[in-house]
Amino acid sequence: MALIRHRKDFYAGVMFMAFGAAAIVIGSKYALGTAARMGPGYFPRILGLLLLGLGALLALRSMRGPAAAMPRLKWRPTAIVLASVVGFGLIVEKTGLLVSTILLIFCASTASHEFRWKEALASGLFFALLAIAVFVLGLKIQLPVWPTFLSRML
């Protein structure tokens, strides 16, 4: 550990390399295909290679420059963001993508000491509309946009 000067970057690099290796291992069970005709294993393997490369760069970069102290983990913001994501997963089918995304962004924003409710609502609305455009309209994923009680009335 004497060579590692920035432990935060080092651990981030190791995490990226672990996810990259996992993506490559999982993707190796599927047909690769070609760049023109991609198989189901193409994307996980390419993503895994990119994550491995990024992780290696971060780990190498952590060994340069003066040593920096590792900041303490802040449990409250971590718990708030994690609870927001879990809450999103639990309510998205009942409340729809629009409401659940706005709530996710708003609740996760409260983890910051710079929280402003108007900005959080504006960001939530922007990302909700973006999620609807990408996932429902673009990718045609079957997600309810509106709460179930409104869907029945529309």
N, C-alpha and C. Protein backbone atom coordinates (compact mmCIF):
# COMPACT_ATOMS: atom_id res chain seq x y z
N MET A 1 0.82 -1.20 0.00
CA MET A 1 0.00 0.00 0.00
C MET A 1 0.86 1.26 0.00
N ALA A 2 2.18 1.12 0.14
CA ALA A 2 3.04 2.30 0.19
C ALA A 2 3.05 3.04 -1.14
N LEU A 3 2.82 2.33 -2.24
CA LEU A 3 2.80 2.98 -3.54
C LEU A 3 1.50 3.74 -3.81
N ILE A 4 0.45 3.34 -3.14
CA ILE A 4 -0.86 3.95 -3.39
C ILE A 4 -0.96 5.25 -2.62
N ARG A 5 -1.10 6.35 -3.36
CA ARG A 5 -1.15 7.66 -2.74
C ARG A 5 -2.58 8.19 -2.64
N HIS A 6 -3.45 7.73 -3.52
CA HIS A 6 -4.85 8.16 -3.53
C HIS A 6 -5.71 6.91 -3.43
N ARG A 7 -6.02 6.52 -2.20
CA ARG A 7 -6.76 5.27 -1.99
C ARG A 7 -8.15 5.31 -2.62
N LYS A 8 -8.76 6.47 -2.63
CA LYS A 8 -10.10 6.59 -3.21
C LYS A 8 -10.07 6.21 -4.70
N ASP A 9 -9.11 6.74 -5.44
CA ASP A 9 -8.97 6.40 -6.86
C ASP A 9 -8.60 4.93 -7.03
N PHE A 10 -7.75 4.42 -6.17
CA PHE A 10 -7.35 3.02 -6.28
C PHE A 10 -8.54 2.10 -6.10
N TYR A 11 -9.34 2.33 -5.05
CA TYR A 11 -10.49 1.47 -4.81
C TYR A 11 -11.56 1.63 -5.90
N ALA A 12 -11.70 2.82 -6.43
CA ALA A 12 -12.63 3.01 -7.56
C ALA A 12 -12.14 2.21 -8.76
N GLY A 13 -10.84 2.24 -9.02
CA GLY A 13 -10.27 1.47 -10.12
C GLY A 13 -10.47 -0.02 -9.95
N VAL A 14 -10.26 -0.51 -8.73
CA VAL A 14 -10.47 -1.94 -8.45
C VAL A 14 -11.94 -2.30 -8.65
N MET A 15 -12.84 -1.42 -8.20
CA MET A 15 -14.27 -1.68 -8.37
C MET A 15 -14.63 -1.74 -9.86
N PHE A 16 -14.13 -0.80 -10.66
CA PHE A 16 -14.40 -0.81 -12.10
C PHE A 16 -13.85 -2.07 -12.75
N MET A 17 -12.65 -2.48 -12.34
CA MET A 17 -12.07 -3.70 -12.92
C MET A 17 -12.88 -4.93 -12.53
N ALA A 18 -13.40 -4.97 -11.30
CA ALA A 18 -14.22 -6.12 -10.87
C ALA A 18 -15.52 -6.18 -11.67
N PHE A 19 -16.19 -5.03 -11.84
CA PHE A 19 -17.40 -5.02 -12.65
C PHE A 19 -17.10 -5.37 -14.11
N GLY A 20 -15.98 -4.89 -14.63
CA GLY A 20 -15.60 -5.21 -16.00
C GLY A 20 -15.34 -6.68 -16.19
N ALA A 21 -14.63 -7.29 -15.23
CA ALA A 21 -14.36 -8.73 -15.31
C ALA A 21 -15.65 -9.52 -15.21
N ALA A 22 -16.55 -9.09 -14.33
CA ALA A 22 -17.84 -9.78 -14.20
C ALA A 22 -18.64 -9.68 -15.49
N ALA A 23 -18.64 -8.51 -16.12
CA ALA A 23 -19.38 -8.34 -17.38
C ALA A 23 -18.79 -9.23 -18.47
N ILE A 24 -17.48 -9.36 -18.52
CA ILE A 24 -16.85 -10.21 -19.53
C ILE A 24 -17.19 -11.68 -19.28
N VAL A 25 -17.14 -12.10 -18.01
CA VAL A 25 -17.45 -13.50 -17.68
C VAL A 25 -18.90 -13.81 -18.00
N ILE A 26 -19.81 -12.92 -17.60
CA ILE A 26 -21.23 -13.14 -17.88
C ILE A 26 -21.51 -13.08 -19.38
N GLY A 27 -20.89 -12.14 -20.07
CA GLY A 27 -21.10 -12.00 -21.52
C GLY A 27 -20.49 -13.12 -22.33
N SER A 28 -19.52 -13.83 -21.75
CA SER A 28 -18.88 -14.92 -22.51
C SER A 28 -19.80 -16.11 -22.71
N LYS A 29 -20.90 -16.16 -21.99
CA LYS A 29 -21.87 -17.25 -22.14
C LYS A 29 -22.78 -17.04 -23.34
N TYR A 30 -22.71 -15.85 -23.94
CA TYR A 30 -23.58 -15.52 -25.07
C TYR A 30 -22.75 -15.36 -26.34
N ALA A 31 -23.41 -15.50 -27.48
CA ALA A 31 -22.74 -15.36 -28.77
C ALA A 31 -22.26 -13.92 -28.95
N LEU A 32 -21.04 -13.76 -29.46
CA LEU A 32 -20.45 -12.43 -29.64
C LEU A 32 -21.01 -11.72 -30.86
N GLY A 33 -21.06 -12.37 -31.98
CA GLY A 33 -21.51 -11.73 -33.21
C GLY A 33 -20.40 -10.87 -33.79
N THR A 34 -20.77 -9.93 -34.65
CA THR A 34 -19.81 -9.00 -35.25
C THR A 34 -20.26 -7.58 -34.96
N ALA A 35 -19.42 -6.61 -35.33
CA ALA A 35 -19.79 -5.22 -35.11
C ALA A 35 -21.02 -4.84 -35.94
N ALA A 36 -21.15 -5.44 -37.12
CA ALA A 36 -22.30 -5.14 -37.97
C ALA A 36 -23.54 -5.90 -37.53
N ARG A 37 -23.35 -7.05 -36.93
CA ARG A 37 -24.47 -7.89 -36.49
C ARG A 37 -24.17 -8.40 -35.08
N MET A 38 -24.41 -7.53 -34.12
CA MET A 38 -24.04 -7.81 -32.74
C MET A 38 -24.90 -8.91 -32.13
N GLY A 39 -24.23 -9.81 -31.42
CA GLY A 39 -24.93 -10.85 -30.68
C GLY A 39 -25.21 -10.36 -29.26
N PRO A 40 -25.90 -11.17 -28.47
CA PRO A 40 -26.24 -10.75 -27.11
C PRO A 40 -25.02 -10.61 -26.19
N GLY A 41 -23.88 -11.19 -26.54
CA GLY A 41 -22.69 -11.08 -25.72
C GLY A 41 -21.78 -9.94 -26.11
N TYR A 42 -22.09 -9.25 -27.20
CA TYR A 42 -21.21 -8.19 -27.71
C TYR A 42 -21.13 -7.02 -26.74
N PHE A 43 -22.27 -6.48 -26.35
CA PHE A 43 -22.28 -5.30 -25.49
C PHE A 43 -21.65 -5.56 -24.12
N PRO A 44 -22.00 -6.66 -23.44
CA PRO A 44 -21.36 -6.89 -22.13
C PRO A 44 -19.84 -7.03 -22.22
N ARG A 45 -19.35 -7.66 -23.27
CA ARG A 45 -17.90 -7.82 -23.40
C ARG A 45 -17.21 -6.50 -23.69
N ILE A 46 -17.77 -5.71 -24.59
CA ILE A 46 -17.17 -4.40 -24.90
C ILE A 46 -17.22 -3.51 -23.68
N LEU A 47 -18.36 -3.48 -22.99
CA LEU A 47 -18.48 -2.69 -21.77
C LEU A 47 -17.49 -3.17 -20.72
N GLY A 48 -17.36 -4.48 -20.59
CA GLY A 48 -16.41 -5.04 -19.63
C GLY A 48 -14.98 -4.64 -19.94
N LEU A 49 -14.61 -4.67 -21.22
CA LEU A 49 -13.26 -4.24 -21.60
C LEU A 49 -13.04 -2.76 -21.30
N LEU A 50 -14.04 -1.94 -21.58
CA LEU A 50 -13.92 -0.51 -21.28
C LEU A 50 -13.79 -0.27 -19.78
N LEU A 51 -14.57 -1.00 -18.99
CA LEU A 51 -14.48 -0.86 -17.54
C LEU A 51 -13.13 -1.34 -17.01
N LEU A 52 -12.61 -2.43 -17.57
CA LEU A 52 -11.28 -2.90 -17.17
C LEU A 52 -10.22 -1.84 -17.47
N GLY A 53 -10.28 -1.25 -18.66
CA GLY A 53 -9.32 -0.21 -19.02
C GLY A 53 -9.43 1.02 -18.14
N LEU A 54 -10.64 1.47 -17.90
CA LEU A 54 -10.85 2.62 -17.02
C LEU A 54 -10.36 2.33 -15.61
N GLY A 55 -10.66 1.15 -15.11
CA GLY A 55 -10.21 0.76 -13.78
C GLY A 55 -8.69 0.72 -13.68
N ALA A 56 -8.05 0.19 -14.72
CA ALA A 56 -6.58 0.13 -14.72
C ALA A 56 -5.99 1.53 -14.73
N LEU A 57 -6.58 2.42 -15.53
CA LEU A 57 -6.08 3.80 -15.55
C LEU A 57 -6.24 4.49 -14.19
N LEU A 58 -7.37 4.29 -13.56
CA LEU A 58 -7.59 4.89 -12.24
C LEU A 58 -6.62 4.31 -11.20
N ALA A 59 -6.42 3.00 -11.24
CA ALA A 59 -5.51 2.38 -10.27
C ALA A 59 -4.08 2.86 -10.49
N LEU A 60 -3.68 2.99 -11.73
CA LEU A 60 -2.33 3.51 -12.01
C LEU A 60 -2.20 4.97 -11.60
N ARG A 61 -3.24 5.74 -11.86
CA ARG A 61 -3.21 7.17 -11.50
C ARG A 61 -3.14 7.36 -9.99
N SER A 62 -3.66 6.39 -9.24
CA SER A 62 -3.66 6.51 -7.78
C SER A 62 -2.25 6.41 -7.21
N MET A 63 -1.30 6.01 -8.01
CA MET A 63 0.07 5.85 -7.53
C MET A 63 0.95 7.05 -7.86
N ARG A 64 0.36 8.11 -8.40
CA ARG A 64 1.11 9.32 -8.76
C ARG A 64 0.75 10.46 -7.83
N GLY A 65 1.66 11.41 -7.71
CA GLY A 65 1.38 12.62 -6.95
C GLY A 65 1.53 12.44 -5.46
N PRO A 66 1.28 13.52 -4.73
CA PRO A 66 1.40 13.44 -3.26
C PRO A 66 0.24 12.64 -2.66
N ALA A 67 0.51 12.07 -1.51
CA ALA A 67 -0.50 11.25 -0.83
C ALA A 67 -1.65 12.11 -0.34
N ALA A 68 -2.86 11.56 -0.41
CA ALA A 68 -4.05 12.27 0.06
C ALA A 68 -4.76 11.38 1.07
N ALA A 69 -5.33 12.02 2.07
CA ALA A 69 -6.05 11.27 3.10
C ALA A 69 -7.38 10.78 2.54
N MET A 70 -7.76 9.59 2.97
CA MET A 70 -9.03 9.02 2.56
C MET A 70 -10.14 9.67 3.38
N PRO A 71 -11.12 10.28 2.70
CA PRO A 71 -12.21 10.90 3.46
C PRO A 71 -13.08 9.85 4.13
N ARG A 72 -13.68 10.23 5.25
CA ARG A 72 -14.57 9.32 5.95
C ARG A 72 -15.84 9.11 5.13
N LEU A 73 -16.37 7.91 5.21
CA LEU A 73 -17.62 7.60 4.53
C LEU A 73 -18.76 8.31 5.25
N LYS A 74 -19.56 9.01 4.51
CA LYS A 74 -20.70 9.71 5.10
C LYS A 74 -21.92 8.80 4.94
N TRP A 75 -22.37 8.23 6.05
CA TRP A 75 -23.44 7.23 6.04
C TRP A 75 -24.80 7.82 5.71
N ARG A 76 -25.10 9.01 6.22
CA ARG A 76 -26.43 9.57 6.02
C ARG A 76 -26.74 9.79 4.53
N PRO A 77 -25.88 10.51 3.77
CA PRO A 77 -26.18 10.67 2.34
C PRO A 77 -26.22 9.35 1.58
N THR A 78 -25.33 8.43 1.95
CA THR A 78 -25.32 7.12 1.29
C THR A 78 -26.64 6.39 1.53
N ALA A 79 -27.11 6.40 2.76
CA ALA A 79 -28.37 5.73 3.10
C ALA A 79 -29.56 6.40 2.41
N ILE A 80 -29.56 7.72 2.32
CA ILE A 80 -30.67 8.44 1.67
C ILE A 80 -30.74 8.09 0.19
N VAL A 81 -29.61 8.12 -0.48
CA VAL A 81 -29.60 7.81 -1.92
C VAL A 81 -29.98 6.35 -2.16
N LEU A 82 -29.45 5.44 -1.36
CA LEU A 82 -29.79 4.03 -1.50
C LEU A 82 -31.28 3.80 -1.25
N ALA A 83 -31.82 4.42 -0.21
CA ALA A 83 -33.25 4.28 0.09
C ALA A 83 -34.10 4.87 -1.03
N SER A 84 -33.64 5.95 -1.64
CA SER A 84 -34.38 6.56 -2.75
C SER A 84 -34.47 5.61 -3.94
N VAL A 85 -33.37 4.96 -4.25
CA VAL A 85 -33.35 4.03 -5.38
C VAL A 85 -34.22 2.80 -5.09
N VAL A 86 -34.13 2.28 -3.87
CA VAL A 86 -34.98 1.13 -3.49
C VAL A 86 -36.45 1.55 -3.53
N GLY A 87 -36.75 2.73 -3.01
CA GLY A 87 -38.12 3.23 -3.05
C GLY A 87 -38.64 3.38 -4.46
N PHE A 88 -37.79 3.86 -5.37
CA PHE A 88 -38.17 3.97 -6.78
C PHE A 88 -38.57 2.61 -7.33
N GLY A 89 -37.76 1.60 -7.05
CA GLY A 89 -38.06 0.25 -7.54
C GLY A 89 -39.36 -0.30 -6.99
N LEU A 90 -39.68 0.09 -5.75
CA LEU A 90 -40.90 -0.42 -5.13
C LEU A 90 -42.17 0.27 -5.63
N ILE A 91 -42.06 1.54 -6.04
CA ILE A 91 -43.27 2.30 -6.39
C ILE A 91 -43.47 2.54 -7.88
N VAL A 92 -42.49 2.23 -8.71
CA VAL A 92 -42.56 2.62 -10.12
C VAL A 92 -43.77 2.01 -10.84
N GLU A 93 -44.15 0.79 -10.52
CA GLU A 93 -45.28 0.17 -11.22
C GLU A 93 -46.62 0.76 -10.79
N LYS A 94 -46.71 1.21 -9.56
CA LYS A 94 -47.98 1.78 -9.07
C LYS A 94 -48.12 3.26 -9.41
N THR A 95 -47.02 4.02 -9.25
CA THR A 95 -47.10 5.47 -9.45
C THR A 95 -46.72 5.91 -10.86
N GLY A 96 -46.13 5.03 -11.64
CA GLY A 96 -45.72 5.37 -12.99
C GLY A 96 -44.32 5.98 -13.01
N LEU A 97 -43.74 6.01 -14.18
CA LEU A 97 -42.37 6.48 -14.36
C LEU A 97 -42.23 7.97 -14.06
N LEU A 98 -43.23 8.76 -14.42
CA LEU A 98 -43.15 10.21 -14.21
C LEU A 98 -43.05 10.54 -12.72
N VAL A 99 -44.00 10.10 -11.94
CA VAL A 99 -44.05 10.44 -10.51
C VAL A 99 -42.89 9.80 -9.76
N SER A 100 -42.60 8.53 -10.03
CA SER A 100 -41.55 7.84 -9.28
C SER A 100 -40.17 8.43 -9.57
N THR A 101 -39.91 8.87 -10.80
CA THR A 101 -38.62 9.48 -11.11
C THR A 101 -38.49 10.83 -10.43
N ILE A 102 -39.56 11.62 -10.43
CA ILE A 102 -39.52 12.91 -9.74
C ILE A 102 -39.25 12.69 -8.25
N LEU A 103 -39.94 11.71 -7.65
CA LEU A 103 -39.72 11.42 -6.23
C LEU A 103 -38.30 10.91 -5.97
N LEU A 104 -37.78 10.07 -6.86
CA LEU A 104 -36.41 9.57 -6.71
C LEU A 104 -35.41 10.72 -6.68
N ILE A 105 -35.49 11.60 -7.67
CA ILE A 105 -34.54 12.71 -7.75
C ILE A 105 -34.71 13.65 -6.56
N PHE A 106 -35.94 13.94 -6.18
CA PHE A 106 -36.19 14.85 -5.06
C PHE A 106 -35.65 14.26 -3.76
N CYS A 107 -35.97 13.00 -3.49
CA CYS A 107 -35.52 12.37 -2.24
C CYS A 107 -34.00 12.22 -2.21
N ALA A 108 -33.41 11.81 -3.31
CA ALA A 108 -31.96 11.65 -3.35
C ALA A 108 -31.25 13.00 -3.21
N SER A 109 -31.87 14.06 -3.70
CA SER A 109 -31.28 15.40 -3.60
C SER A 109 -31.20 15.88 -2.16
N THR A 110 -32.08 15.38 -1.29
CA THR A 110 -32.06 15.80 0.11
C THR A 110 -30.79 15.32 0.82
N ALA A 111 -30.03 14.42 0.21
CA ALA A 111 -28.79 13.94 0.81
C ALA A 111 -27.70 15.01 0.79
N SER A 112 -27.81 15.98 -0.10
CA SER A 112 -26.80 17.02 -0.23
C SER A 112 -27.06 18.16 0.74
N HIS A 113 -25.98 18.74 1.23
CA HIS A 113 -26.12 19.91 2.09
C HIS A 113 -26.48 21.16 1.27
N GLU A 114 -26.43 21.05 -0.05
CA GLU A 114 -26.80 22.15 -0.95
C GLU A 114 -28.21 21.98 -1.50
N PHE A 115 -29.04 21.21 -0.84
CA PHE A 115 -30.39 20.90 -1.31
C PHE A 115 -31.24 22.16 -1.42
N ARG A 116 -31.89 22.30 -2.59
CA ARG A 116 -32.89 23.35 -2.83
C ARG A 116 -34.08 22.68 -3.49
N TRP A 117 -35.24 22.81 -2.89
CA TRP A 117 -36.39 22.04 -3.34
C TRP A 117 -36.84 22.41 -4.74
N LYS A 118 -36.73 23.69 -5.14
CA LYS A 118 -37.15 24.08 -6.50
C LYS A 118 -36.24 23.44 -7.55
N GLU A 119 -34.94 23.45 -7.28
CA GLU A 119 -34.00 22.84 -8.22
C GLU A 119 -34.18 21.33 -8.28
N ALA A 120 -34.47 20.72 -7.13
CA ALA A 120 -34.68 19.27 -7.09
C ALA A 120 -35.92 18.88 -7.89
N LEU A 121 -36.99 19.65 -7.73
CA LEU A 121 -38.21 19.36 -8.51
C LEU A 121 -37.99 19.58 -10.01
N ALA A 122 -37.28 20.65 -10.36
CA ALA A 122 -36.99 20.92 -11.78
C ALA A 122 -36.13 19.79 -12.37
N SER A 123 -35.12 19.36 -11.63
CA SER A 123 -34.26 18.26 -12.09
C SER A 123 -35.07 16.97 -12.20
N GLY A 124 -35.92 16.74 -11.21
CA GLY A 124 -36.76 15.53 -11.24
C GLY A 124 -37.66 15.50 -12.45
N LEU A 125 -38.28 16.64 -12.76
CA LEU A 125 -39.16 16.71 -13.93
C LEU A 125 -38.37 16.50 -15.22
N PHE A 126 -37.20 17.14 -15.32
CA PHE A 126 -36.36 16.98 -16.51
C PHE A 126 -35.97 15.52 -16.71
N PHE A 127 -35.48 14.87 -15.64
CA PHE A 127 -35.03 13.49 -15.77
C PHE A 127 -36.20 12.52 -15.95
N ALA A 128 -37.36 12.86 -15.42
CA ALA A 128 -38.54 12.02 -15.65
C ALA A 128 -38.93 12.06 -17.13
N LEU A 129 -38.95 13.25 -17.70
CA LEU A 129 -39.28 13.37 -19.13
C LEU A 129 -38.22 12.69 -20.00
N LEU A 130 -36.95 12.81 -19.59
CA LEU A 130 -35.87 12.14 -20.32
C LEU A 130 -36.02 10.62 -20.22
N ALA A 131 -36.34 10.12 -19.04
CA ALA A 131 -36.54 8.67 -18.86
C ALA A 131 -37.69 8.17 -19.71
N ILE A 132 -38.78 8.93 -19.76
CA ILE A 132 -39.93 8.54 -20.58
C ILE A 132 -39.54 8.52 -22.05
N ALA A 133 -38.82 9.55 -22.49
CA ALA A 133 -38.40 9.63 -23.90
C ALA A 133 -37.48 8.46 -24.27
N VAL A 134 -36.53 8.15 -23.39
CA VAL A 134 -35.55 7.11 -23.71
C VAL A 134 -36.15 5.71 -23.57
N PHE A 135 -36.73 5.42 -22.41
CA PHE A 135 -37.15 4.05 -22.12
C PHE A 135 -38.51 3.68 -22.71
N VAL A 136 -39.47 4.57 -22.60
CA VAL A 136 -40.82 4.23 -23.07
C VAL A 136 -40.96 4.49 -24.56
N LEU A 137 -40.58 5.68 -25.00
CA LEU A 137 -40.75 6.02 -26.42
C LEU A 137 -39.64 5.45 -27.29
N GLY A 138 -38.39 5.59 -26.85
CA GLY A 138 -37.26 5.15 -27.67
C GLY A 138 -37.04 3.66 -27.67
N LEU A 139 -36.92 3.07 -26.48
CA LEU A 139 -36.62 1.65 -26.38
C LEU A 139 -37.86 0.77 -26.29
N LYS A 140 -39.02 1.38 -26.20
CA LYS A 140 -40.31 0.66 -26.15
C LYS A 140 -40.40 -0.32 -24.97
N ILE A 141 -39.83 0.08 -23.83
CA ILE A 141 -39.92 -0.75 -22.62
C ILE A 141 -41.29 -0.52 -22.01
N GLN A 142 -41.92 -1.61 -21.62
CA GLN A 142 -43.28 -1.56 -21.08
C GLN A 142 -43.27 -1.09 -19.63
N LEU A 143 -43.24 0.22 -19.43
CA LEU A 143 -43.33 0.82 -18.11
C LEU A 143 -44.51 1.77 -18.09
N PRO A 144 -45.29 1.76 -17.01
CA PRO A 144 -46.39 2.72 -16.94
C PRO A 144 -45.83 4.13 -16.77
N VAL A 145 -46.36 5.07 -17.53
CA VAL A 145 -45.92 6.46 -17.43
C VAL A 145 -46.69 7.16 -16.32
N TRP A 146 -47.96 6.89 -16.21
CA TRP A 146 -48.85 7.55 -15.25
C TRP A 146 -49.16 6.62 -14.10
N PRO A 147 -49.59 7.16 -12.96
CA PRO A 147 -50.07 6.30 -11.87
C PRO A 147 -51.23 5.43 -12.34
N THR A 148 -51.37 4.26 -11.76
CA THR A 148 -52.37 3.30 -12.23
C THR A 148 -53.79 3.85 -12.16
N PHE A 149 -54.11 4.64 -11.14
CA PHE A 149 -55.48 5.16 -11.05
C PHE A 149 -55.75 6.18 -12.16
N LEU A 150 -54.72 6.90 -12.64
CA LEU A 150 -54.91 7.82 -13.77
C LEU A 150 -54.98 7.07 -15.09
N SER A 151 -54.23 5.98 -15.20
CA SER A 151 -54.22 5.20 -16.44
C SER A 151 -55.60 4.63 -16.74
N ARG A 152 -56.32 4.26 -15.69
CA ARG A 152 -57.65 3.70 -15.89
C ARG A 152 -58.62 4.78 -16.39
N MET A 153 -58.41 6.02 -15.97
CA MET A 153 -59.30 7.11 -16.35
C MET A 153 -58.98 7.64 -17.75
N LEU A 154 -57.71 7.49 -18.20
CA LEU A 154 -57.32 8.04 -19.50
C LEU A 154 -57.70 7.16 -20.64
